Structure formats: structure tokens, C-alpha cells
All heavy atoms as atom14 arrays in JSON, in Angstrom:
{
  "sequence": "AYMATGNYPQGVPPQFLLTLPAADSSCPIKPFRDLSARVGLNIKN",
  "atom14_mask": [
    [1, 1, 1, 1, 1, 0, 0, 0, 0, 0, 0, 0, 0, 0],
    [1, 1, 1, 1, 1, 1, 1, 1, 1, 1, 1, 1, 0, 0],
    [1, 1, 1, 1, 1, 1, 1, 1, 0, 0, 0, 0, 0, 0],
    [1, 1, 1, 1, 1, 0, 0, 0, 0, 0, 0, 0, 0, 0],
    [1, 1, 1, 1, 1, 1, 1, 0, 0, 0, 0, 0, 0, 0],
    [1, 1, 1, 1, 0, 0, 0, 0, 0, 0, 0, 0, 0, 0],
    [1, 1, 1, 1, 1, 1, 1, 1, 0, 0, 0, 0, 0, 0],
    [1, 1, 1, 1, 1, 1, 1, 1, 1, 1, 1, 1, 0, 0],
    [1, 1, 1, 1, 1, 1, 1, 0, 0, 0, 0, 0, 0, 0],
    [1, 1, 1, 1, 1, 1, 1, 1, 1, 0, 0, 0, 0, 0],
    [1, 1, 1, 1, 0, 0, 0, 0, 0, 0, 0, 0, 0, 0],
    [1, 1, 1, 1, 1, 1, 1, 0, 0, 0, 0, 0, 0, 0],
    [1, 1, 1, 1, 1, 1, 1, 0, 0, 0, 0, 0, 0, 0],
    [1, 1, 1, 1, 1, 1, 1, 0, 0, 0, 0, 0, 0, 0],
    [1, 1, 1, 1, 1, 1, 1, 1, 1, 0, 0, 0, 0, 0],
    [1, 1, 1, 1, 1, 1, 1, 1, 1, 1, 1, 0, 0, 0],
    [1, 1, 1, 1, 1, 1, 1, 1, 0, 0, 0, 0, 0, 0],
    [1, 1, 1, 1, 1, 1, 1, 1, 0, 0, 0, 0, 0, 0],
    [1, 1, 1, 1, 1, 1, 1, 0, 0, 0, 0, 0, 0, 0],
    [1, 1, 1, 1, 1, 1, 1, 1, 0, 0, 0, 0, 0, 0],
    [1, 1, 1, 1, 1, 1, 1, 0, 0, 0, 0, 0, 0, 0],
    [1, 1, 1, 1, 1, 0, 0, 0, 0, 0, 0, 0, 0, 0],
    [1, 1, 1, 1, 1, 0, 0, 0, 0, 0, 0, 0, 0, 0],
    [1, 1, 1, 1, 1, 1, 1, 1, 0, 0, 0, 0, 0, 0],
    [1, 1, 1, 1, 1, 1, 0, 0, 0, 0, 0, 0, 0, 0],
    [1, 1, 1, 1, 1, 1, 0, 0, 0, 0, 0, 0, 0, 0],
    [1, 1, 1, 1, 1, 1, 0, 0, 0, 0, 0, 0, 0, 0],
    [1, 1, 1, 1, 1, 1, 1, 0, 0, 0, 0, 0, 0, 0],
    [1, 1, 1, 1, 1, 1, 1, 1, 0, 0, 0, 0, 0, 0],
    [1, 1, 1, 1, 1, 1, 1, 1, 1, 0, 0, 0, 0, 0],
    [1, 1, 1, 1, 1, 1, 1, 0, 0, 0, 0, 0, 0, 0],
    [1, 1, 1, 1, 1, 1, 1, 1, 1, 1, 1, 0, 0, 0],
    [1, 1, 1, 1, 1, 1, 1, 1, 1, 1, 1, 0, 0, 0],
    [1, 1, 1, 1, 1, 1, 1, 1, 0, 0, 0, 0, 0, 0],
    [1, 1, 1, 1, 1, 1, 1, 1, 0, 0, 0, 0, 0, 0],
    [1, 1, 1, 1, 1, 1, 0, 0, 0, 0, 0, 0, 0, 0],
    [1, 1, 1, 1, 1, 0, 0, 0, 0, 0, 0, 0, 0, 0],
    [1, 1, 1, 1, 1, 1, 1, 1, 1, 1, 1, 0, 0, 0],
    [1, 1, 1, 1, 1, 1, 1, 0, 0, 0, 0, 0, 0, 0],
    [1, 1, 1, 1, 0, 0, 0, 0, 0, 0, 0, 0, 0, 0],
    [1, 1, 1, 1, 1, 1, 1, 1, 0, 0, 0, 0, 0, 0],
    [1, 1, 1, 1, 1, 1, 1, 1, 0, 0, 0, 0, 0, 0],
    [1, 1, 1, 1, 1, 1, 1, 1, 0, 0, 0, 0, 0, 0],
    [1, 1, 1, 1, 1, 1, 1, 1, 1, 0, 0, 0, 0, 0],
    [1, 1, 1, 1, 1, 1, 1, 1, 0, 0, 0, 0, 0, 0]
  ],
  "atom14_positions": [
    [[-86.0, -119.72, -136.01], [-87.26, -118.98, -136.02], [-87.14, -117.7, -136.85], [-88.05, -117.34, -137.6], [-87.69, -118.65, -134.59], [0.0, 0.0, 0.0], [0.0, 0.0, 0.0], [0.0, 0.0, 0.0], [0.0, 0.0, 0.0], [0.0, 0.0, 0.0], [0.0, 0.0, 0.0], [0.0, 0.0, 0.0], [0.0, 0.0, 0.0], [0.0, 0.0, 0.0]],
    [[-85.98, -117.01, -136.74], [-85.77, -115.82, -137.57], [-85.74, -116.19, -139.05], [-86.24, -115.44, -139.91], [-84.48, -115.11, -137.17], [-84.68, -114.06, -136.1], [-84.23, -114.25, -134.8], [-85.31, -112.85, -136.4], [-84.4, -113.28, -133.81], [-85.49, -111.88, -135.42], [-85.04, -112.09, -134.14], [-85.22, -111.13, -133.17], [0.0, 0.0, 0.0], [0.0, 0.0, 0.0]],
    [[-85.13, -117.33, -139.38], [-85.14, -117.79, -140.78], [-86.57, -118.0, -141.26], [-86.92, -117.62, -142.38], [-84.35, -119.1, -140.91], [-82.86, -118.98, -140.75], [-82.08, -120.61, -140.91], [-80.38, -120.2, -140.47], [0.0, 0.0, 0.0], [0.0, 0.0, 0.0], [0.0, 0.0, 0.0], [0.0, 0.0, 0.0], [0.0, 0.0, 0.0], [0.0, 0.0, 0.0]],
    [[-87.4, -118.61, -140.41], [-88.78, -118.92, -140.79], [-89.58, -117.66, -141.08], [-90.5, -117.67, -141.91], [-89.46, -119.74, -139.7], [0.0, 0.0, 0.0], [0.0, 0.0, 0.0], [0.0, 0.0, 0.0], [0.0, 0.0, 0.0], [0.0, 0.0, 0.0], [0.0, 0.0, 0.0], [0.0, 0.0, 0.0], [0.0, 0.0, 0.0], [0.0, 0.0, 0.0]],
    [[-89.23, -116.56, -140.43], [-89.95, -115.3, -140.67], [-89.36, -114.49, -141.82], [-89.93, -113.47, -142.22], [-89.93, -114.41, -139.4], [-88.58, -114.04, -139.12], [-90.55, -115.13, -138.22], [0.0, 0.0, 0.0], [0.0, 0.0, 0.0], [0.0, 0.0, 0.0], [0.0, 0.0, 0.0], [0.0, 0.0, 0.0], [0.0, 0.0, 0.0], [0.0, 0.0, 0.0]],
    [[-88.21, -114.93, -142.33], [-87.55, -114.18, -143.4], [-86.67, -113.06, -142.91], [-86.23, -112.22, -143.71], [0.0, 0.0, 0.0], [0.0, 0.0, 0.0], [0.0, 0.0, 0.0], [0.0, 0.0, 0.0], [0.0, 0.0, 0.0], [0.0, 0.0, 0.0], [0.0, 0.0, 0.0], [0.0, 0.0, 0.0], [0.0, 0.0, 0.0], [0.0, 0.0, 0.0]],
    [[-86.38, -113.04, -141.62], [-85.6, -111.95, -141.04], [-84.21, -112.38, -140.6], [-83.6, -111.76, -139.72], [-86.35, -111.35, -139.84], [-87.58, -110.59, -140.28], [-87.51, -109.78, -141.21], [-88.7, -110.85, -139.64], [0.0, 0.0, 0.0], [0.0, 0.0, 0.0], [0.0, 0.0, 0.0], [0.0, 0.0, 0.0], [0.0, 0.0, 0.0], [0.0, 0.0, 0.0]],
    [[-83.7, -113.48, -141.2], [-82.33, -113.91, -140.92], [-81.45, -113.48, -142.09], [-81.85, -113.63, -143.26], [-82.27, -115.43, -140.77], [-80.86, -115.96, -140.6], [-80.33, -116.13, -139.33], [-80.07, -116.28, -141.7], [-79.03, -116.6, -139.17], [-78.78, -116.73, -141.55], [-78.26, -116.9, -140.29], [-76.97, -117.36, -140.13], [0.0, 0.0, 0.0], [0.0, 0.0, 0.0]],
    [[-80.28, -112.94, -141.86], [-79.64, -112.71, -140.55], [-79.9, -111.32, -139.99], [-79.55, -111.03, -138.84], [-78.15, -112.87, -140.89], [-78.05, -112.35, -142.3], [-79.34, -112.74, -142.98], [0.0, 0.0, 0.0], [0.0, 0.0, 0.0], [0.0, 0.0, 0.0], [0.0, 0.0, 0.0], [0.0, 0.0, 0.0], [0.0, 0.0, 0.0], [0.0, 0.0, 0.0]],
    [[-80.51, -110.44, -140.82], [-80.57, -109.02, -140.46], [-81.35, -108.75, -139.18], [-81.07, -107.78, -138.46], [-81.17, -108.21, -141.62], [-82.65, -108.44, -141.91], [-82.92, -109.67, -142.75], [-82.0, -110.43, -143.04], [-84.17, -109.86, -143.16], [0.0, 0.0, 0.0], [0.0, 0.0, 0.0], [0.0, 0.0, 0.0], [0.0, 0.0, 0.0], [0.0, 0.0, 0.0]],
    [[-82.33, -109.59, -138.85], [-83.15, -109.33, -137.68], [-82.63, -109.92, -136.39], [-83.09, -109.57, -135.3], [0.0, 0.0, 0.0], [0.0, 0.0, 0.0], [0.0, 0.0, 0.0], [0.0, 0.0, 0.0], [0.0, 0.0, 0.0], [0.0, 0.0, 0.0], [0.0, 0.0, 0.0], [0.0, 0.0, 0.0], [0.0, 0.0, 0.0], [0.0, 0.0, 0.0]],
    [[-81.67, -110.82, -136.47], [-81.17, -111.5, -135.27], [-80.28, -110.55, -134.47], [-79.37, -109.93, -135.04], [-80.36, -112.76, -135.66], [-79.96, -113.54, -134.4], [-81.15, -113.64, -136.61], [0.0, 0.0, 0.0], [0.0, 0.0, 0.0], [0.0, 0.0, 0.0], [0.0, 0.0, 0.0], [0.0, 0.0, 0.0], [0.0, 0.0, 0.0], [0.0, 0.0, 0.0]],
    [[-80.53, -110.41, -133.18], [-79.64, -109.59, -132.36], [-78.2, -110.06, -132.53], [-77.93, -111.27, -132.48], [-80.15, -109.84, -130.93], [-81.59, -110.19, -131.12], [-81.66, -110.96, -132.39], [0.0, 0.0, 0.0], [0.0, 0.0, 0.0], [0.0, 0.0, 0.0], [0.0, 0.0, 0.0], [0.0, 0.0, 0.0], [0.0, 0.0, 0.0], [0.0, 0.0, 0.0]],
    [[-77.25, -109.15, -132.76], [-75.87, -109.54, -133.07], [-75.27, -110.51, -132.06], [-74.5, -111.4, -132.42], [-75.13, -108.2, -133.08], [-76.18, -107.19, -133.44], [-77.45, -107.7, -132.79], [0.0, 0.0, 0.0], [0.0, 0.0, 0.0], [0.0, 0.0, 0.0], [0.0, 0.0, 0.0], [0.0, 0.0, 0.0], [0.0, 0.0, 0.0], [0.0, 0.0, 0.0]],
    [[-75.62, -110.33, -130.77], [-75.02, -111.19, -129.75], [-75.54, -112.63, -129.81], [-74.94, -113.53, -129.2], [-75.24, -110.61, -128.35], [-76.7, -110.63, -127.84], [-77.5, -109.42, -128.26], [-77.23, -108.81, -129.3], [-78.47, -109.04, -127.45], [0.0, 0.0, 0.0], [0.0, 0.0, 0.0], [0.0, 0.0, 0.0], [0.0, 0.0, 0.0], [0.0, 0.0, 0.0]],
    [[-76.64, -112.84, -130.56], [-77.21, -114.18, -130.65], [-77.11, -114.78, -132.06], [-77.53, -115.91, -132.29], [-78.68, -114.16, -130.24], [-78.92, -113.69, -128.84], [-79.99, -112.85, -128.53], [-78.07, -114.08, -127.81], [-80.21, -112.41, -127.23], [-78.28, -113.64, -126.5], [-79.36, -112.8, -126.22], [0.0, 0.0, 0.0], [0.0, 0.0, 0.0], [0.0, 0.0, 0.0]],
    [[-76.54, -114.04, -133.0], [-76.49, -114.49, -134.39], [-75.53, -115.67, -134.55], [-74.41, -115.65, -134.04], [-76.05, -113.34, -135.3], [-75.89, -113.67, -136.78], [-77.24, -114.04, -137.4], [-75.25, -112.49, -137.52], [0.0, 0.0, 0.0], [0.0, 0.0, 0.0], [0.0, 0.0, 0.0], [0.0, 0.0, 0.0], [0.0, 0.0, 0.0], [0.0, 0.0, 0.0]],
    [[-75.98, -116.68, -135.27], [-75.14, -117.81, -135.68], [-74.98, -117.71, -137.19], [-75.97, -117.77, -137.93], [-75.78, -119.15, -135.29], [-75.97, -119.41, -133.8], [-76.75, -120.7, -133.58], [-74.62, -119.47, -133.09], [0.0, 0.0, 0.0], [0.0, 0.0, 0.0], [0.0, 0.0, 0.0], [0.0, 0.0, 0.0], [0.0, 0.0, 0.0], [0.0, 0.0, 0.0]],
    [[-73.76, -117.55, -137.66], [-73.53, -117.35, -139.08], [-73.4, -118.69, -139.8], [-72.96, -119.7, -139.22], [-72.26, -116.52, -139.33], [-71.14, -117.19, -138.74], [-72.41, -115.14, -138.73], [0.0, 0.0, 0.0], [0.0, 0.0, 0.0], [0.0, 0.0, 0.0], [0.0, 0.0, 0.0], [0.0, 0.0, 0.0], [0.0, 0.0, 0.0], [0.0, 0.0, 0.0]],
    [[-73.77, -118.7, -141.07], [-73.67, -119.9, -141.89], [-72.21, -120.13, -142.27], [-71.44, -119.19, -142.46], [-74.5, -119.75, -143.17], [-76.0, -119.52, -142.99], [-76.66, -119.3, -144.34], [-76.64, -120.7, -142.28], [0.0, 0.0, 0.0], [0.0, 0.0, 0.0], [0.0, 0.0, 0.0], [0.0, 0.0, 0.0], [0.0, 0.0, 0.0], [0.0, 0.0, 0.0]],
    [[-71.81, -121.4, -142.39], [-70.43, -121.68, -142.8], [-70.2, -121.22, -144.23], [-71.11, -121.24, -145.07], [-70.33, -123.2, -142.67], [-71.74, -123.7, -142.77], [-72.58, -122.63, -142.14], [0.0, 0.0, 0.0], [0.0, 0.0, 0.0], [0.0, 0.0, 0.0], [0.0, 0.0, 0.0], [0.0, 0.0, 0.0], [0.0, 0.0, 0.0], [0.0, 0.0, 0.0]],
    [[-68.97, -120.83, -144.52], [-68.62, -120.38, -145.87], [-68.68, -121.55, -146.84], [-68.35, -122.68, -146.48], [-67.23, -119.76, -145.87], [0.0, 0.0, 0.0], [0.0, 0.0, 0.0], [0.0, 0.0, 0.0], [0.0, 0.0, 0.0], [0.0, 0.0, 0.0], [0.0, 0.0, 0.0], [0.0, 0.0, 0.0], [0.0, 0.0, 0.0], [0.0, 0.0, 0.0]],
    [[-69.11, -121.29, -148.06], [-69.18, -122.33, -149.07], [-67.78, -122.76, -149.49], [-66.84, -121.95, -149.49], [-69.96, -121.83, -150.28], [0.0, 0.0, 0.0], [0.0, 0.0, 0.0], [0.0, 0.0, 0.0], [0.0, 0.0, 0.0], [0.0, 0.0, 0.0], [0.0, 0.0, 0.0], [0.0, 0.0, 0.0], [0.0, 0.0, 0.0], [0.0, 0.0, 0.0]],
    [[-67.63, -124.04, -149.81], [-66.36, -124.58, -150.29], [-66.27, -124.31, -151.78], [-66.91, -124.99, -152.59], [-66.29, -126.08, -150.0], [-64.91, -126.66, -150.27], [-64.19, -126.1, -151.12], [-64.55, -127.68, -149.64], [0.0, 0.0, 0.0], [0.0, 0.0, 0.0], [0.0, 0.0, 0.0], [0.0, 0.0, 0.0], [0.0, 0.0, 0.0], [0.0, 0.0, 0.0]],
    [[-65.47, -123.32, -152.16], [-65.4, -122.91, -153.56], [-64.81, -123.99, -154.46], [-65.0, -123.96, -155.68], [-64.58, -121.62, -153.69], [-63.26, -121.82, -153.19], [0.0, 0.0, 0.0], [0.0, 0.0, 0.0], [0.0, 0.0, 0.0], [0.0, 0.0, 0.0], [0.0, 0.0, 0.0], [0.0, 0.0, 0.0], [0.0, 0.0, 0.0], [0.0, 0.0, 0.0]],
    [[-64.11, -124.95, -153.87], [-63.51, -126.02, -154.67], [-64.52, -127.09, -155.03], [-64.21, -127.98, -155.83], [-62.34, -126.65, -153.91], [-62.8, -127.34, -152.75], [0.0, 0.0, 0.0], [0.0, 0.0, 0.0], [0.0, 0.0, 0.0], [0.0, 0.0, 0.0], [0.0, 0.0, 0.0], [0.0, 0.0, 0.0], [0.0, 0.0, 0.0], [0.0, 0.0, 0.0]],
    [[-65.72, -127.02, -154.44], [-66.76, -128.04, -154.71], [-68.08, -127.36, -155.07], [-69.04, -127.41, -154.29], [-66.95, -128.93, -153.49], [-65.56, -129.99, -153.13], [0.0, 0.0, 0.0], [0.0, 0.0, 0.0], [0.0, 0.0, 0.0], [0.0, 0.0, 0.0], [0.0, 0.0, 0.0], [0.0, 0.0, 0.0], [0.0, 0.0, 0.0], [0.0, 0.0, 0.0]],
    [[-68.15, -126.72, -156.22], [-69.43, -126.11, -156.61], [-70.5, -127.16, -156.84], [-70.27, -128.16, -157.53], [-69.07, -125.38, -157.91], [-67.87, -126.12, -158.45], [-67.1, -126.57, -157.25], [0.0, 0.0, 0.0], [0.0, 0.0, 0.0], [0.0, 0.0, 0.0], [0.0, 0.0, 0.0], [0.0, 0.0, 0.0], [0.0, 0.0, 0.0], [0.0, 0.0, 0.0]],
    [[-71.65, -126.96, -156.24], [-72.75, -127.92, -156.33], [-74.01, -127.21, -156.78], [-74.39, -126.18, -156.22], [-73.01, -128.6, -154.96], [-71.81, -129.47, -154.56], [-74.27, -129.44, -154.98], [-71.61, -130.7, -155.43], [0.0, 0.0, 0.0], [0.0, 0.0, 0.0], [0.0, 0.0, 0.0], [0.0, 0.0, 0.0], [0.0, 0.0, 0.0], [0.0, 0.0, 0.0]],
    [[-74.65, -127.75, -157.79], [-75.93, -127.21, -158.21], [-77.01, -127.7, -157.26], [-77.0, -128.86, -156.83], [-76.25, -127.65, -159.64], [-75.26, -127.15, -160.67], [-75.59, -127.7, -162.06], [-74.55, -127.27, -163.08], [-74.83, -127.86, -164.42], [0.0, 0.0, 0.0], [0.0, 0.0, 0.0], [0.0, 0.0, 0.0], [0.0, 0.0, 0.0], [0.0, 0.0, 0.0]],
    [[-77.97, -126.85, -156.9], [-78.97, -127.24, -155.9], [-79.92, -128.33, -156.38], [-80.36, -128.32, -157.54], [-79.72, -125.93, -155.63], [-79.51, -125.11, -156.86], [-78.14, -125.47, -157.36], [0.0, 0.0, 0.0], [0.0, 0.0, 0.0], [0.0, 0.0, 0.0], [0.0, 0.0, 0.0], [0.0, 0.0, 0.0], [0.0, 0.0, 0.0], [0.0, 0.0, 0.0]],
    [[-80.21, -129.26, -155.5], [-81.23, -130.26, -155.73], [-82.6, -129.62, -155.49], [-82.7, -128.56, -154.89], [-81.06, -131.45, -154.79], [-79.87, -132.33, -155.08], [-78.58, -131.84, -155.06], [-80.05, -133.68, -155.35], [-77.48, -132.65, -155.31], [-78.97, -134.5, -155.6], [-77.69, -134.0, -155.57], [0.0, 0.0, 0.0], [0.0, 0.0, 0.0], [0.0, 0.0, 0.0]],
    [[-83.66, -130.31, -155.9], [-85.01, -129.79, -155.68], [-85.9, -130.93, -155.21], [-85.91, -132.02, -155.81], [-85.56, -129.19, -156.97], [-86.93, -128.55, -156.83], [-87.44, -128.04, -158.16], [-88.8, -127.52, -158.06], [-89.57, -127.26, -159.1], [-89.12, -127.47, -160.34], [-90.8, -126.8, -158.95], [0.0, 0.0, 0.0], [0.0, 0.0, 0.0], [0.0, 0.0, 0.0]],
    [[-86.64, -130.7, -154.15], [-87.55, -131.72, -153.61], [-88.82, -131.78, -154.46], [-89.65, -130.87, -154.42], [-87.89, -131.4, -152.15], [-88.77, -132.49, -151.51], [-89.08, -133.49, -152.19], [-89.14, -132.32, -150.33], [0.0, 0.0, 0.0], [0.0, 0.0, 0.0], [0.0, 0.0, 0.0], [0.0, 0.0, 0.0], [0.0, 0.0, 0.0], [0.0, 0.0, 0.0]],
    [[-88.97, -132.87, -155.21], [-90.13, -133.05, -156.09], [-91.02, -134.2, -155.63], [-91.78, -134.76, -156.43], [-89.68, -133.3, -157.53], [-89.02, -132.13, -158.27], [-88.73, -132.52, -159.71], [-89.91, -130.91, -158.23], [0.0, 0.0, 0.0], [0.0, 0.0, 0.0], [0.0, 0.0, 0.0], [0.0, 0.0, 0.0], [0.0, 0.0, 0.0], [0.0, 0.0, 0.0]],
    [[-90.94, -134.57, -154.36], [-91.71, -135.72, -153.89], [-93.21, -135.52, -154.09], [-93.92, -136.46, -154.48], [-91.41, -136.0, -152.42], [-91.7, -134.86, -151.62], [0.0, 0.0, 0.0], [0.0, 0.0, 0.0], [0.0, 0.0, 0.0], [0.0, 0.0, 0.0], [0.0, 0.0, 0.0], [0.0, 0.0, 0.0], [0.0, 0.0, 0.0], [0.0, 0.0, 0.0]],
    [[-93.71, -134.32, -153.85], [-95.14, -134.07, -154.0], [-95.56, -134.17, -155.46], [-96.61, -134.73, -155.79], [-95.5, -132.71, -153.42], [0.0, 0.0, 0.0], [0.0, 0.0, 0.0], [0.0, 0.0, 0.0], [0.0, 0.0, 0.0], [0.0, 0.0, 0.0], [0.0, 0.0, 0.0], [0.0, 0.0, 0.0], [0.0, 0.0, 0.0], [0.0, 0.0, 0.0]],
    [[-94.75, -133.63, -156.34], [-95.08, -133.66, -157.77], [-95.13, -135.09, -158.29], [-95.96, -135.44, -159.13], [-94.05, -132.85, -158.55], [-94.29, -132.85, -160.06], [-93.32, -131.92, -160.76], [-93.61, -130.53, -160.47], [-94.51, -129.8, -161.12], [-95.22, -130.34, -162.09], [-94.72, -128.55, -160.81], [0.0, 0.0, 0.0], [0.0, 0.0, 0.0], [0.0, 0.0, 0.0]],
    [[-94.25, -135.95, -157.78], [-94.18, -137.33, -158.25], [-95.17, -138.22, -157.49], [-95.41, -139.36, -157.88], [-92.73, -137.86, -158.11], [-92.58, -139.26, -158.66], [-91.77, -136.93, -158.84], [0.0, 0.0, 0.0], [0.0, 0.0, 0.0], [0.0, 0.0, 0.0], [0.0, 0.0, 0.0], [0.0, 0.0, 0.0], [0.0, 0.0, 0.0], [0.0, 0.0, 0.0]],
    [[-95.73, -137.7, -156.4], [-96.67, -138.5, -155.61], [-96.02, -139.42, -154.61], [-96.62, -140.41, -154.16], [0.0, 0.0, 0.0], [0.0, 0.0, 0.0], [0.0, 0.0, 0.0], [0.0, 0.0, 0.0], [0.0, 0.0, 0.0], [0.0, 0.0, 0.0], [0.0, 0.0, 0.0], [0.0, 0.0, 0.0], [0.0, 0.0, 0.0], [0.0, 0.0, 0.0]],
    [[-94.76, -139.12, -154.23], [-94.03, -139.97, -153.29], [-93.84, -139.27, -151.94], [-92.99, -139.69, -151.16], [-92.67, -140.35, -153.88], [-92.73, -141.15, -155.18], [-91.33, -141.36, -155.74], [-93.41, -142.49, -154.95], [0.0, 0.0, 0.0], [0.0, 0.0, 0.0], [0.0, 0.0, 0.0], [0.0, 0.0, 0.0], [0.0, 0.0, 0.0], [0.0, 0.0, 0.0]],
    [[-94.62, -138.24, -151.68], [-94.51, -137.48, -150.43], [-95.33, -138.15, -149.33], [-96.22, -137.55, -148.74], [-94.96, -136.04, -150.64], [-96.36, -135.92, -151.23], [-96.79, -136.79, -151.99], [-97.07, -134.86, -150.88], [0.0, 0.0, 0.0], [0.0, 0.0, 0.0], [0.0, 0.0, 0.0], [0.0, 0.0, 0.0], [0.0, 0.0, 0.0], [0.0, 0.0, 0.0]],
    [[-94.99, -139.38, -149.05], [-95.67, -140.15, -148.01], [-95.42, -139.48, -146.66], [-94.29, -139.12, -146.33], [-95.15, -141.6, -147.98], [-95.29, -142.23, -149.36], [-95.87, -142.42, -146.93], [-94.4, -143.44, -149.56], [0.0, 0.0, 0.0], [0.0, 0.0, 0.0], [0.0, 0.0, 0.0], [0.0, 0.0, 0.0], [0.0, 0.0, 0.0], [0.0, 0.0, 0.0]],
    [[-96.47, -139.31, -145.88], [-96.34, -138.65, -144.58], [-96.62, -139.68, -143.48], [-97.72, -140.19, -143.36], [-97.32, -137.49, -144.46], [-97.28, -136.73, -143.14], [-98.22, -135.53, -143.18], [-98.23, -134.78, -141.86], [-98.97, -135.52, -140.81], [0.0, 0.0, 0.0], [0.0, 0.0, 0.0], [0.0, 0.0, 0.0], [0.0, 0.0, 0.0], [0.0, 0.0, 0.0]],
    [[-95.57, -140.0, -142.75], [-95.73, -140.88, -141.6], [-94.58, -140.65, -140.62], [-93.77, -139.75, -140.8], [-95.82, -142.35, -142.01], [-94.71, -142.82, -142.92], [-94.95, -143.52, -143.9], [-93.47, -142.45, -142.65], [0.0, 0.0, 0.0], [0.0, 0.0, 0.0], [0.0, 0.0, 0.0], [0.0, 0.0, 0.0], [0.0, 0.0, 0.0], [0.0, 0.0, 0.0]]
  ]
}
């Protein structure tokens, strides 16, 4: 919920914060992009 509001991680009370795992530097990956809507394949069911 804090992520959805844009207030993660800074807004999460420290005692409840869950940190993201560290990236594996040996496996750099370029981000994928969801283009289903642009291609017209964003079927909703």
C-alpha cells in the first residue's frame, strides 16, 4: 500500500519496513516493458 502511494520506503514505519532484495550484479538485466495494450492483446478476464 505504501508503494501504491509513492511513499515506499521512506513512509513505512521502520519496525514494519520490508526491504527489497539486493540486485545480483553478476546478472544485469535490462527492464522489459508491458505493451499488451498498445498491441491490443490486453485481454481482461
